[in-house]
Amino acid sequence: SDEGSVGGDVYAVPAAGGGLVVIVASVALERGLKAANKAAAQARARGVPDVHVALSSDYPTLRRGFFAVYSGPYPTLSRALKKLEKIRGRGYVSAYTRRLAK
């Protein structure tokens, strides 16, 4: 798989069809990948599952110009919404769902 390497400084590459994800945080590109990875590590530490970082500009379904810190992908909307509820309960009250598709 394309995920994970030393230090975790790699983008997750979701399946071509895309999946539903929960956007936990958006980090402006100027702040850099290090800041995005730090936000991802914080989310993991708070118990958010399957956290990855993607370059938002690579996905037409995301707002451009950010590193998107997300949880997922999840196969169904109901699964994604269940996770969204859990993630909001972990302090990410502005988390939201998106389809992550190329």
Protein backbone atom coordinates (compact mmCIF):
# COMPACT_ATOMS: atom_id res chain seq x y z
CA SER A 1 0.00 0.00 0.00
CA ASP A 2 1.06 3.61 -0.47
CA GLU A 3 0.46 4.56 3.14
CA GLY A 4 3.00 4.94 5.85
CA SER A 5 6.72 5.24 5.82
CA VAL A 6 9.30 6.38 8.30
CA GLY A 7 7.90 9.49 9.96
CA GLY A 8 4.58 9.06 8.17
CA ASP A 9 5.31 11.90 5.74
CA VAL A 10 3.38 10.26 2.93
CA TYR A 11 0.02 10.93 1.40
CA ALA A 12 -2.51 8.17 1.61
CA VAL A 13 -3.72 7.16 -1.82
CA PRO A 14 -7.36 6.13 -1.64
CA ALA A 15 -8.98 3.70 -4.05
CA ALA A 16 -9.66 5.18 -7.48
CA GLY A 17 -13.43 5.29 -6.91
CA GLY A 18 -12.91 7.42 -3.87
CA GLY A 19 -14.44 6.87 -0.50
CA LEU A 20 -16.22 8.83 2.14
CA VAL A 21 -13.93 10.48 4.62
CA VAL A 22 -14.28 12.68 7.67
CA ILE A 23 -12.24 15.86 7.37
CA VAL A 24 -10.76 16.46 10.80
CA ALA A 25 -8.56 19.48 10.05
CA SER A 26 -7.36 21.60 7.15
CA VAL A 27 -3.82 22.94 7.29
CA ALA A 28 -2.87 25.77 4.93
CA LEU A 29 -0.14 24.77 2.47
CA GLU A 30 2.09 27.62 3.71
CA ARG A 31 2.21 25.94 7.14
CA GLY A 32 3.73 22.90 5.47
CA LEU A 33 3.50 19.13 5.60
CA LYS A 34 5.15 19.03 9.00
CA ALA A 35 2.26 21.00 10.51
CA ALA A 36 -0.23 18.71 8.77
CA ASN A 37 1.50 15.61 10.10
CA LYS A 38 1.50 17.14 13.57
CA ALA A 39 -2.27 17.74 13.32
CA ALA A 40 -2.70 14.13 12.17
CA ALA A 41 -0.63 12.88 15.12
CA GLN A 42 -2.75 14.93 17.52
CA ALA A 43 -5.92 13.46 16.02
CA ARG A 44 -4.55 9.94 16.42
CA ALA A 45 -3.59 10.73 20.03
CA ARG A 46 -7.19 11.83 20.66
CA GLY A 47 -8.43 8.48 19.41
CA VAL A 48 -9.43 9.39 15.85
CA PRO A 49 -9.11 6.21 13.71
CA ASP A 50 -7.46 5.81 10.28
CA VAL A 51 -5.96 9.29 10.09
CA HIS A 52 -4.22 10.32 6.87
CA VAL A 53 -3.02 13.50 5.18
CA ALA A 54 -3.88 14.39 1.58
CA LEU A 55 -3.06 17.35 -0.62
CA SER A 56 -6.50 18.86 -1.15
CA SER A 57 -5.61 20.23 -4.60
CA ASP A 58 -5.29 16.64 -5.84
CA TYR A 59 -9.04 16.09 -5.27
CA PRO A 60 -11.79 18.01 -7.05
CA THR A 61 -14.08 17.25 -4.10
CA LEU A 62 -11.92 19.24 -1.65
CA ARG A 63 -11.19 22.94 -1.33
CA ARG A 64 -7.80 23.63 -2.93
CA GLY A 65 -4.73 24.90 -1.11
CA PHE A 66 -4.71 22.76 2.01
CA PHE A 67 -3.35 19.60 3.50
CA ALA A 68 -6.53 17.77 4.48
CA VAL A 69 -6.23 15.69 7.65
CA TYR A 70 -8.90 13.04 7.37
CA SER A 71 -10.22 9.81 8.83
CA GLY A 72 -11.25 7.01 6.50
CA PRO A 73 -12.11 6.10 3.86
CA TYR A 74 -15.43 4.55 4.84
CA PRO A 75 -17.51 2.40 2.46
CA THR A 76 -20.94 3.87 3.22
CA LEU A 77 -22.40 7.20 4.25
CA SER A 78 -23.93 5.69 7.37
CA ARG A 79 -20.51 4.38 8.46
CA ALA A 80 -18.94 7.78 7.76
CA LEU A 81 -21.66 9.58 9.72
CA LYS A 82 -21.19 7.24 12.69
CA LYS A 83 -17.47 8.01 12.66
CA LEU A 84 -18.21 11.73 12.27
CA GLU A 85 -20.28 11.65 15.46
CA LYS A 86 -17.46 9.86 17.33
CA ILE A 87 -14.82 12.26 16.00
CA ARG A 88 -16.89 15.32 16.97
CA GLY A 89 -17.15 13.76 20.43
CA ARG A 90 -13.34 13.72 20.57
CA GLY A 91 -13.26 17.51 20.30
CA TYR A 92 -13.30 18.02 16.52
CA VAL A 93 -16.67 19.80 16.49
CA SER A 94 -16.19 21.26 13.02
CA ALA A 95 -15.33 17.92 11.38
CA TYR A 96 -17.40 17.11 8.27
CA THR A 97 -17.78 14.37 5.68
CA ARG A 98 -16.62 14.54 2.07
CA ARG A 99 -16.22 12.14 -0.79
CA LEU A 100 -12.54 11.77 -1.57
CA ALA A 101 -12.38 11.15 -5.31
CA LYS A 102 -9.84 11.91 -8.00
